[in-house]
Amino acid sequence: MTTTQNTLNFLAELAQNNNKDWFNANKVWYNDVRSEFESLVARLIDGISKFDEDLKHTTVKECVFRIHRDTRFSHDKTPYKTHFGAYIASNGGRKSPRAGYYLHLEPKASFVASGVWMPEPNVLKALRKSVYDNIDELKEIITKDEFSQYYKTFYSEDALKKIPAGFPKDFPDADLLKLKHYIVECNLSEDLLMSDDFENRMLKIFKAGHPFNHFLNHTIDELIKSEPKINSQDFQF
C-alpha cells in the first residue's frame, strides 16, 4: 500500500466515524498519516522553491492546517475535517496574505490550487485594479498551454453579480473583476495520486501556476509595503 493510499483510507474511515471516540482509538494511525502528509509537504516545499525562490525559508509547520474543525459558528458540529490541507506560501504559510500553492487530499475530492483565497477587502480591491490595468499580461499567462492544460477556470464561488464600482460596465473581461477569490484549481484523480511519479506531476502543476502567483504577488507585495499589517486569517480549509 502506498503512503497516499494509507492517508486516503484513514480519511475515508474518519468520514464515516467523525467522533472523538473513534479518533482517539485510532490516534496512532492518525499520527502516522499526519507524519506522511508533513513529509510530502516538505518535499513539495523543496521542489517548489526551485522555481519560486521566495519559498526557500518556508516551513512545514507554517503551511499545514490542523485537522480539528472550528465548530463555534457552524451548524455542523463534527469535530474533524475529512481532508488534509496545506497552503504553501512565503511570509507565513497558511497565514500568509500572499498568493501561493494549496494541496488538498480527500478521498475522491483531492485537488491542488494556485492563487490567493479570500483576500482582505483592500487587497481584493488592489487585485481587481491590477487585473483591469494589466489584463493583457494576465490573459497571456492564463492562455499559455503550460497553464491552461491544468487550470481550466477561476474559482467563482461568491462572485459578484455586477461589475464592482469604479470599473466600466463594458469591460470585456468583467467576470475577472467580479471574483472574490483569485484562485485556480486542478483536480487530482486517485490514479494520479497512486502513480509512482505523482509528486513530480504535482510540482509540474504548481510550476504552471507560478506565473499567475507572481502576477498577483506583485500587487500584494506593493500593498504590504504601504500597509505592513496586512495579513490573512488562519483559514479553516
C-alpha atoms as a PDB file:
ATOM      1  CA  MET A   1       0.000   0.000   0.000  1.00  0.00           C
ATOM      2  CA  THR A   2       1.326   3.458  -0.918  1.00  0.00           C
ATOM      3  CA  THR A   3       1.557   6.173   1.716  1.00  0.00           C
ATOM      4  CA  THR A   4      -1.053   8.165  -0.204  1.00  0.00           C
ATOM      5  CA  GLN A   5      -3.448   5.228  -0.179  1.00  0.00           C
ATOM      6  CA  ASN A   6      -2.924   4.865   3.566  1.00  0.00           C
ATOM      7  CA  THR A   7      -3.776   8.557   4.024  1.00  0.00           C
ATOM      8  CA  LEU A   8      -6.907   8.328   1.872  1.00  0.00           C
ATOM      9  CA  ASN A   9      -8.007   5.165   3.690  1.00  0.00           C
ATOM     10  CA  PHE A  10      -7.693   6.943   7.027  1.00  0.00           C
ATOM     11  CA  LEU A  11      -9.665   9.931   5.800  1.00  0.00           C
ATOM     12  CA  ALA A  12     -12.394   7.692   4.370  1.00  0.00           C
ATOM     13  CA  GLU A  13     -12.737   5.917   7.724  1.00  0.00           C
ATOM     14  CA  LEU A  14     -12.747   9.248   9.552  1.00  0.00           C
ATOM     15  CA  ALA A  15     -15.581  10.495   7.331  1.00  0.00           C
ATOM     16  CA  GLN A  16     -17.653   7.504   8.474  1.00  0.00           C
ATOM     17  CA  ASN A  17     -16.666   7.869  12.127  1.00  0.00           C
ATOM     18  CA  ASN A  18     -16.271  11.563  12.765  1.00  0.00           C
ATOM     19  CA  ASN A  19     -16.256  11.497  16.548  1.00  0.00           C
ATOM     20  CA  LYS A  20     -13.703  11.766  19.333  1.00  0.00           C
ATOM     21  CA  ASP A  21     -14.007   8.172  20.476  1.00  0.00           C
ATOM     22  CA  TRP A  22     -13.042   6.770  17.081  1.00  0.00           C
ATOM     23  CA  PHE A  23     -10.321   9.375  16.580  1.00  0.00           C
ATOM     24  CA  ASN A  24      -8.742   8.660  19.972  1.00  0.00           C
ATOM     25  CA  ALA A  25      -8.874   4.922  19.339  1.00  0.00           C
ATOM     26  CA  ASN A  26      -7.053   5.459  16.040  1.00  0.00           C
ATOM     27  CA  LYS A  27      -4.591   8.099  17.216  1.00  0.00           C
ATOM     28  CA  VAL A  28      -1.564   6.023  16.226  1.00  0.00           C
ATOM     29  CA  TRP A  29      -2.922   5.702  12.679  1.00  0.00           C
ATOM     30  CA  TYR A  30      -3.614   9.440  12.581  1.00  0.00           C
ATOM     31  CA  ASN A  31      -0.085  10.246  13.764  1.00  0.00           C
ATOM     32  CA  ASP A  32       1.325   8.019  11.022  1.00  0.00           C
ATOM     33  CA  VAL A  33      -0.653   9.627   8.202  1.00  0.00           C
ATOM     34  CA  ARG A  34      -0.089  13.099   9.596  1.00  0.00           C
ATOM     35  CA  SER A  35       3.659  12.429   9.533  1.00  0.00           C
ATOM     36  CA  GLU A  36       3.378  11.113   5.961  1.00  0.00           C
ATOM     37  CA  PHE A  37       1.492  14.237   4.875  1.00  0.00           C
ATOM     38  CA  GLU A  38       4.008  16.556   6.526  1.00  0.00           C
ATOM     39  CA  SER A  39       6.854  14.718   4.775  1.00  0.00           C
ATOM     40  CA  LEU A  40       5.052  15.153   1.459  1.00  0.00           C
ATOM     41  CA  VAL A  41       4.601  18.883   2.107  1.00  0.00           C
ATOM     42  CA  ALA A  42       8.298  19.200   2.996  1.00  0.00           C
ATOM     43  CA  ARG A  43       9.265  17.639  -0.331  1.00  0.00           C
ATOM     44  CA  LEU A  44       6.840  19.881  -2.191  1.00  0.00           C
ATOM     45  CA  ILE A  45       8.230  22.994  -0.494  1.00  0.00           C
ATOM     46  CA  ASP A  46      11.701  21.912  -1.562  1.00  0.00           C
ATOM     47  CA  GLY A  47      10.547  21.257  -5.126  1.00  0.00           C
ATOM     48  CA  ILE A  48       8.540  24.465  -5.478  1.00  0.00           C
ATOM     49  CA  SER A  49      11.387  26.578  -4.085  1.00  0.00           C
ATOM     50  CA  LYS A  50      13.473  25.554  -7.094  1.00  0.00           C
ATOM     51  CA  PHE A  51      11.243  27.703  -9.341  1.00  0.00           C
ATOM     52  CA  ASP A  52       9.809  30.030  -6.675  1.00  0.00           C
ATOM     53  CA  GLU A  53      12.763  31.112  -4.551  1.00  0.00           C
ATOM     54  CA  ASP A  54      10.542  33.085  -2.164  1.00  0.00           C
ATOM     55  CA  LEU A  55       9.652  29.764  -0.512  1.00  0.00           C
ATOM     56  CA  LYS A  56      13.175  28.758   0.478  1.00  0.00           C
ATOM     57  CA  HIS A  57      12.673  29.514   4.168  1.00  0.00           C
ATOM     58  CA  THR A  58       9.038  28.382   4.435  1.00  0.00           C
ATOM     59  CA  THR A  59       8.441  25.616   6.978  1.00  0.00           C
ATOM     60  CA  VAL A  60       6.031  22.695   7.033  1.00  0.00           C
ATOM     61  CA  LYS A  61       4.634  23.830  10.371  1.00  0.00           C
ATOM     62  CA  GLU A  62       3.614  27.177   8.856  1.00  0.00           C
ATOM     63  CA  CYS A  63       1.803  25.530   5.952  1.00  0.00           C
ATOM     64  CA  VAL A  64      -0.167  22.531   7.267  1.00  0.00           C
ATOM     65  CA  PHE A  65      -3.703  23.094   8.532  1.00  0.00           C
ATOM     66  CA  ARG A  66      -4.880  21.408  11.717  1.00  0.00           C
ATOM     67  CA  ILE A  67      -7.397  18.597  11.353  1.00  0.00           C
ATOM     68  CA  HIS A  68      -9.628  19.861  14.158  1.00  0.00           C
ATOM     69  CA  ARG A  69     -12.581  21.912  12.957  1.00  0.00           C
ATOM     70  CA  ASP A  70     -13.604  25.246  14.457  1.00  0.00           C
ATOM     71  CA  THR A  71     -17.263  24.493  15.218  1.00  0.00           C
ATOM     72  CA  ARG A  72     -18.073  27.644  17.199  1.00  0.00           C
ATOM     73  CA  PHE A  73     -20.042  29.315  14.418  1.00  0.00           C
ATOM     74  CA  SER A  74     -21.082  26.240  12.434  1.00  0.00           C
ATOM     75  CA  HIS A  75     -24.229  24.153  12.451  1.00  0.00           C
ATOM     76  CA  ASP A  76     -22.002  21.172  11.622  1.00  0.00           C
ATOM     77  CA  LYS A  77     -20.531  20.092  14.961  1.00  0.00           C
ATOM     78  CA  THR A  78     -18.424  17.181  13.690  1.00  0.00           C
ATOM     79  CA  PRO A  79     -15.034  17.691  15.331  1.00  0.00           C
ATOM     80  CA  TYR A  80     -12.659  16.798  12.485  1.00  0.00           C
ATOM     81  CA  LYS A  81     -12.031  17.753   8.891  1.00  0.00           C
ATOM     82  CA  THR A  82     -12.112  14.842   6.475  1.00  0.00           C
ATOM     83  CA  HIS A  83      -9.158  16.064   4.449  1.00  0.00           C
ATOM     84  CA  PHE A  84      -5.550  17.136   4.871  1.00  0.00           C
ATOM     85  CA  GLY A  85      -4.637  20.591   3.610  1.00  0.00           C
ATOM     86  CA  ALA A  86      -1.527  22.717   3.275  1.00  0.00           C
ATOM     87  CA  TYR A  87      -1.076  26.247   1.940  1.00  0.00           C
ATOM     88  CA  ILE A  88       2.492  26.700   0.752  1.00  0.00           C
ATOM     89  CA  ALA A  89       3.269  30.415   0.655  1.00  0.00           C
ATOM     90  CA  SER A  90       6.082  32.652   1.838  1.00  0.00           C
ATOM     91  CA  ASN A  91       5.584  35.188   4.612  1.00  0.00           C
ATOM     92  CA  GLY A  92       3.564  32.936   6.893  1.00  0.00           C
ATOM     93  CA  GLY A  93       2.421  29.795   5.104  1.00  0.00           C
ATOM     94  CA  ARG A  94      -1.299  29.234   5.791  1.00  0.00           C
ATOM     95  CA  LYS A  95      -1.475  32.707   7.413  1.00  0.00           C
ATOM     96  CA  SER A  96       0.242  34.473   4.530  1.00  0.00           C
ATOM     97  CA  PRO A  97      -1.568  37.215   2.591  1.00  0.00           C
ATOM     98  CA  ARG A  98       0.482  36.288  -0.492  1.00  0.00           C
ATOM     99  CA  ALA A  99      -0.613  34.059  -3.363  1.00  0.00           C
ATOM    100  CA  GLY A 100       0.680  30.513  -3.001  1.00  0.00           C
ATOM    101  CA  TYR A 101       0.105  26.824  -3.634  1.00  0.00           C
ATOM    102  CA  TYR A 102      -2.607  24.782  -1.931  1.00  0.00           C
ATOM    103  CA  LEU A 103      -2.730  20.983  -1.595  1.00  0.00           C
ATOM    104  CA  HIS A 104      -5.958  19.223  -0.580  1.00  0.00           C
ATOM    105  CA  LEU A 105      -6.067  15.445  -0.036  1.00  0.00           C
ATOM    106  CA  GLU A 106      -9.545  13.946   0.367  1.00  0.00           C
ATOM    107  CA  PRO A 107     -10.999  10.680  -0.952  1.00  0.00           C
ATOM    108  CA  LYS A 108     -12.464  11.326  -4.424  1.00  0.00           C
ATOM    109  CA  ALA A 109     -12.088  15.094  -3.937  1.00  0.00           C
ATOM    110  CA  SER A 110      -8.345  15.846  -3.983  1.00  0.00           C
ATOM    111  CA  PHE A 111      -7.057  18.924  -5.777  1.00  0.00           C
ATOM    112  CA  VAL A 112      -4.284  21.497  -5.927  1.00  0.00           C
ATOM    113  CA  ALA A 113      -4.697  25.228  -6.416  1.00  0.00           C
ATOM    114  CA  SER A 114      -2.694  28.349  -7.095  1.00  0.00           C
ATOM    115  CA  GLY A 115      -3.581  31.908  -6.151  1.00  0.00           C
ATOM    116  CA  VAL A 116      -4.985  33.749  -3.150  1.00  0.00           C
ATOM    117  CA  TRP A 117      -8.183  32.795  -1.310  1.00  0.00           C
ATOM    118  CA  MET A 118     -10.412  35.350   0.426  1.00  0.00           C
ATOM    119  CA  PRO A 119      -8.033  38.351   0.332  1.00  0.00           C
ATOM    120  CA  GLU A 120      -8.814  41.237   2.657  1.00  0.00           C
ATOM    121  CA  PRO A 121     -11.074  43.906   1.092  1.00  0.00           C
ATOM    122  CA  ASN A 122      -8.235  46.351   0.401  1.00  0.00           C
ATOM    123  CA  VAL A 123      -6.138  43.568  -1.142  1.00  0.00           C
ATOM    124  CA  LEU A 124      -9.060  42.410  -3.273  1.00  0.00           C
ATOM    125  CA  LYS A 125      -9.657  45.963  -4.467  1.00  0.00           C
ATOM    126  CA  ALA A 126      -5.992  46.316  -5.447  1.00  0.00           C
ATOM    127  CA  LEU A 127      -6.007  42.962  -7.235  1.00  0.00           C
ATOM    128  CA  ARG A 128      -9.092  43.906  -9.239  1.00  0.00           C
ATOM    129  CA  LYS A 129      -7.429  47.151 -10.301  1.00  0.00           C
ATOM    130  CA  SER A 130      -4.288  45.238 -11.280  1.00  0.00           C
ATOM    131  CA  VAL A 131      -6.354  42.802 -13.346  1.00  0.00           C
ATOM    132  CA  TYR A 132      -8.082  45.715 -15.067  1.00  0.00           C
ATOM    133  CA  ASP A 133      -4.866  47.663 -15.679  1.00  0.00           C
ATOM    134  CA  ASN A 134      -2.856  44.619 -16.792  1.00  0.00           C
ATOM    135  CA  ILE A 135      -5.464  42.424 -18.437  1.00  0.00           C
ATOM    136  CA  ASP A 136      -3.282  41.657 -21.463  1.00  0.00           C
ATOM    137  CA  GLU A 137      -0.474  40.406 -19.218  1.00  0.00           C
ATOM    138  CA  LEU A 138      -2.854  38.234 -17.188  1.00  0.00           C
ATOM    139  CA  LYS A 139      -4.510  36.776 -20.279  1.00  0.00           C
ATOM    140  CA  GLU A 140      -1.110  35.935 -21.720  1.00  0.00           C
ATOM    141  CA  ILE A 141      -0.359  33.965 -18.535  1.00  0.00           C
ATOM    142  CA  ILE A 142      -3.643  32.063 -18.321  1.00  0.00           C
ATOM    143  CA  THR A 143      -3.877  31.175 -22.021  1.00  0.00           C
ATOM    144  CA  LYS A 144      -0.462  29.551 -22.249  1.00  0.00           C
ATOM    145  CA  ASP A 145      -0.584  25.788 -22.728  1.00  0.00           C
ATOM    146  CA  GLU A 146       1.527  25.200 -19.618  1.00  0.00           C
ATOM    147  CA  PHE A 147      -1.191  26.872 -17.544  1.00  0.00           C
ATOM    148  CA  SER A 148      -4.417  26.023 -19.338  1.00  0.00           C
ATOM    149  CA  GLN A 149      -3.761  22.283 -19.538  1.00  0.00           C
ATOM    150  CA  TYR A 150      -4.137  22.131 -15.743  1.00  0.00           C
ATOM    151  CA  TYR A 151      -6.144  25.179 -14.725  1.00  0.00           C
ATOM    152  CA  LYS A 152      -9.388  25.450 -16.689  1.00  0.00           C
ATOM    153  CA  THR A 153     -11.396  28.093 -14.826  1.00  0.00           C
ATOM    154  CA  PHE A 154     -11.226  30.535 -11.942  1.00  0.00           C
ATOM    155  CA  TYR A 155     -12.881  29.658  -8.644  1.00  0.00           C
ATOM    156  CA  SER A 156     -16.075  31.699  -8.934  1.00  0.00           C
ATOM    157  CA  GLU A 157     -17.929  30.958  -5.688  1.00  0.00           C
ATOM    158  CA  ASP A 158     -19.174  34.183  -4.019  1.00  0.00           C
ATOM    159  CA  ALA A 159     -18.558  36.172  -7.228  1.00  0.00           C
ATOM    160  CA  LEU A 160     -20.410  39.460  -7.572  1.00  0.00           C
ATOM    161  CA  LYS A 161     -23.467  39.627  -9.819  1.00  0.00           C
ATOM    162  CA  LYS A 162     -22.456  43.023 -11.176  1.00  0.00           C
ATOM    163  CA  ILE A 163     -19.113  44.553 -12.044  1.00  0.00           C
ATOM    164  CA  PRO A 164     -17.720  46.370  -8.969  1.00  0.00           C
ATOM    165  CA  ALA A 165     -17.998  50.127  -8.702  1.00  0.00           C
ATOM    166  CA  GLY A 166     -15.264  52.115 -10.362  1.00  0.00           C
ATOM    167  CA  PHE A 167     -14.848  49.894 -13.420  1.00  0.00           C
ATOM    168  CA  PRO A 168     -16.501  50.361 -16.824  1.00  0.00           C
ATOM    169  CA  LYS A 169     -19.507  48.112 -17.301  1.00  0.00           C
ATOM    170  CA  ASP A 170     -18.439  47.249 -20.841  1.00  0.00           C
ATOM    171  CA  PHE A 171     -15.062  45.805 -19.794  1.00  0.00           C
ATOM    172  CA  PRO A 172     -14.698  42.635 -21.946  1.00  0.00           C
ATOM    173  CA  ASP A 173     -13.359  40.504 -19.089  1.00  0.00           C
ATOM    174  CA  ALA A 174     -15.782  41.712 -16.452  1.00  0.00           C
ATOM    175  CA  ASP A 175     -16.084  38.246 -14.878  1.00  0.00           C
ATOM    176  CA  LEU A 176     -12.467  38.516 -13.727  1.00  0.00           C
ATOM    177  CA  LEU A 177     -13.325  41.674 -11.793  1.00  0.00           C
ATOM    178  CA  LYS A 178     -16.335  40.091 -10.093  1.00  0.00           C
ATOM    179  CA  LEU A 179     -14.239  37.406  -8.378  1.00  0.00           C
ATOM    180  CA  LYS A 180     -13.798  37.418  -4.605  1.00  0.00           C
ATOM    181  CA  HIS A 181     -11.005  34.834  -4.728  1.00  0.00           C
ATOM    182  CA  TYR A 182      -8.204  34.794  -7.275  1.00  0.00           C
ATOM    183  CA  ILE A 183      -7.778  31.023  -7.247  1.00  0.00           C
ATOM    184  CA  VAL A 184      -7.408  28.420  -9.983  1.00  0.00           C
ATOM    185  CA  GLU A 185      -7.811  24.711  -9.222  1.00  0.00           C
ATOM    186  CA  CYS A 186      -6.770  21.395 -10.721  1.00  0.00           C
ATOM    187  CA  ASN A 187      -8.487  18.188  -9.619  1.00  0.00           C
ATOM    188  CA  LEU A 188      -6.297  15.197  -8.775  1.00  0.00           C
ATOM    189  CA  SER A 189      -7.574  11.767  -9.741  1.00  0.00           C
ATOM    190  CA  GLU A 190      -6.824   8.893  -7.397  1.00  0.00           C
ATOM    191  CA  ASP A 191      -4.983   7.193 -10.270  1.00  0.00           C
ATOM    192  CA  LEU A 192      -2.643  10.182 -10.353  1.00  0.00           C
ATOM    193  CA  LEU A 193      -2.224  10.101  -6.574  1.00  0.00           C
ATOM    194  CA  MET A 194      -1.328   6.402  -6.703  1.00  0.00           C
ATOM    195  CA  SER A 195       1.161   6.797  -9.556  1.00  0.00           C
ATOM    196  CA  ASP A 196       4.879   6.443  -8.912  1.00  0.00           C
ATOM    197  CA  ASP A 197       5.612   9.991 -10.093  1.00  0.00           C
ATOM    198  CA  PHE A 198       2.647  11.803  -8.548  1.00  0.00           C
ATOM    199  CA  GLU A 199       4.862  14.233  -6.627  1.00  0.00           C
ATOM    200  CA  ASN A 200       6.663  15.298  -9.802  1.00  0.00           C
ATOM    201  CA  ARG A 201       3.318  15.685 -11.559  1.00  0.00           C
ATOM    202  CA  MET A 202       2.015  17.891  -8.757  1.00  0.00           C
ATOM    203  CA  LEU A 203       5.165  20.001  -8.994  1.00  0.00           C
ATOM    204  CA  LYS A 204       4.521  20.459 -12.722  1.00  0.00           C
ATOM    205  CA  ILE A 205       1.008  21.692 -11.937  1.00  0.00           C
ATOM    206  CA  PHE A 206       2.315  24.084  -9.293  1.00  0.00           C
ATOM    207  CA  LYS A 207       5.057  25.312 -11.627  1.00  0.00           C
ATOM    208  CA  ALA A 208       2.411  26.090 -14.237  1.00  0.00           C
ATOM    209  CA  GLY A 209       0.674  28.266 -11.623  1.00  0.00           C
ATOM    210  CA  HIS A 210       3.821  30.154 -10.640  1.00  0.00           C
ATOM    211  CA  PRO A 211       3.494  32.987 -13.226  1.00  0.00           C
ATOM    212  CA  PHE A 212      -0.085  33.566 -12.035  1.00  0.00           C
ATOM    213  CA  ASN A 213       1.063  33.770  -8.415  1.00  0.00           C
ATOM    214  CA  HIS A 214       3.892  36.094  -9.426  1.00  0.00           C
ATOM    215  CA  PHE A 215       1.369  38.367 -11.150  1.00  0.00           C
ATOM    216  CA  LEU A 216      -0.812  38.519  -8.018  1.00  0.00           C
ATOM    217  CA  ASN A 217       2.081  38.907  -5.591  1.00  0.00           C
ATOM    218  CA  HIS A 218       3.473  41.939  -7.395  1.00  0.00           C
ATOM    219  CA  THR A 219       0.351  43.827  -6.326  1.00  0.00           C
ATOM    220  CA  ILE A 220       0.099  42.226  -2.885  1.00  0.00           C
ATOM    221  CA  ASP A 221       3.734  42.994  -2.065  1.00  0.00           C
ATOM    222  CA  GLU A 222       3.334  46.642  -3.074  1.00  0.00           C
ATOM    223  CA  LEU A 223       0.330  46.879  -0.763  1.00  0.00           C
ATOM    224  CA  ILE A 224       2.199  45.202   2.108  1.00  0.00           C
ATOM    225  CA  LYS A 225       4.941  47.818   1.789  1.00  0.00           C
ATOM    226  CA  SER A 226       2.407  50.594   2.268  1.00  0.00           C
ATOM    227  CA  GLU A 227       0.252  48.704   4.788  1.00  0.00           C
ATOM    228  CA  PRO A 228       2.591  46.335   6.691  1.00  0.00           C
ATOM    229  CA  LYS A 229      -0.140  44.992   8.965  1.00  0.00           C
ATOM    230  CA  ILE A 230      -1.927  43.192   6.122  1.00  0.00           C
ATOM    231  CA  ASN A 231      -2.293  39.531   6.954  1.00  0.00           C
ATOM    232  CA  SER A 232      -4.589  36.612   6.336  1.00  0.00           C
ATOM    233  CA  GLN A 233      -6.534  34.650   8.899  1.00  0.00           C
ATOM    234  CA  ASP A 234      -5.730  31.048   9.676  1.00  0.00           C
ATOM    235  CA  PHE A 235      -8.474  29.905   7.309  1.00  0.00           C
ATOM    236  CA  GLN A 236     -10.291  26.645   8.040  1.00  0.00           C
ATOM    237  CA  PHE A 237      -9.701  24.877   4.734  1.00  0.00           C
END
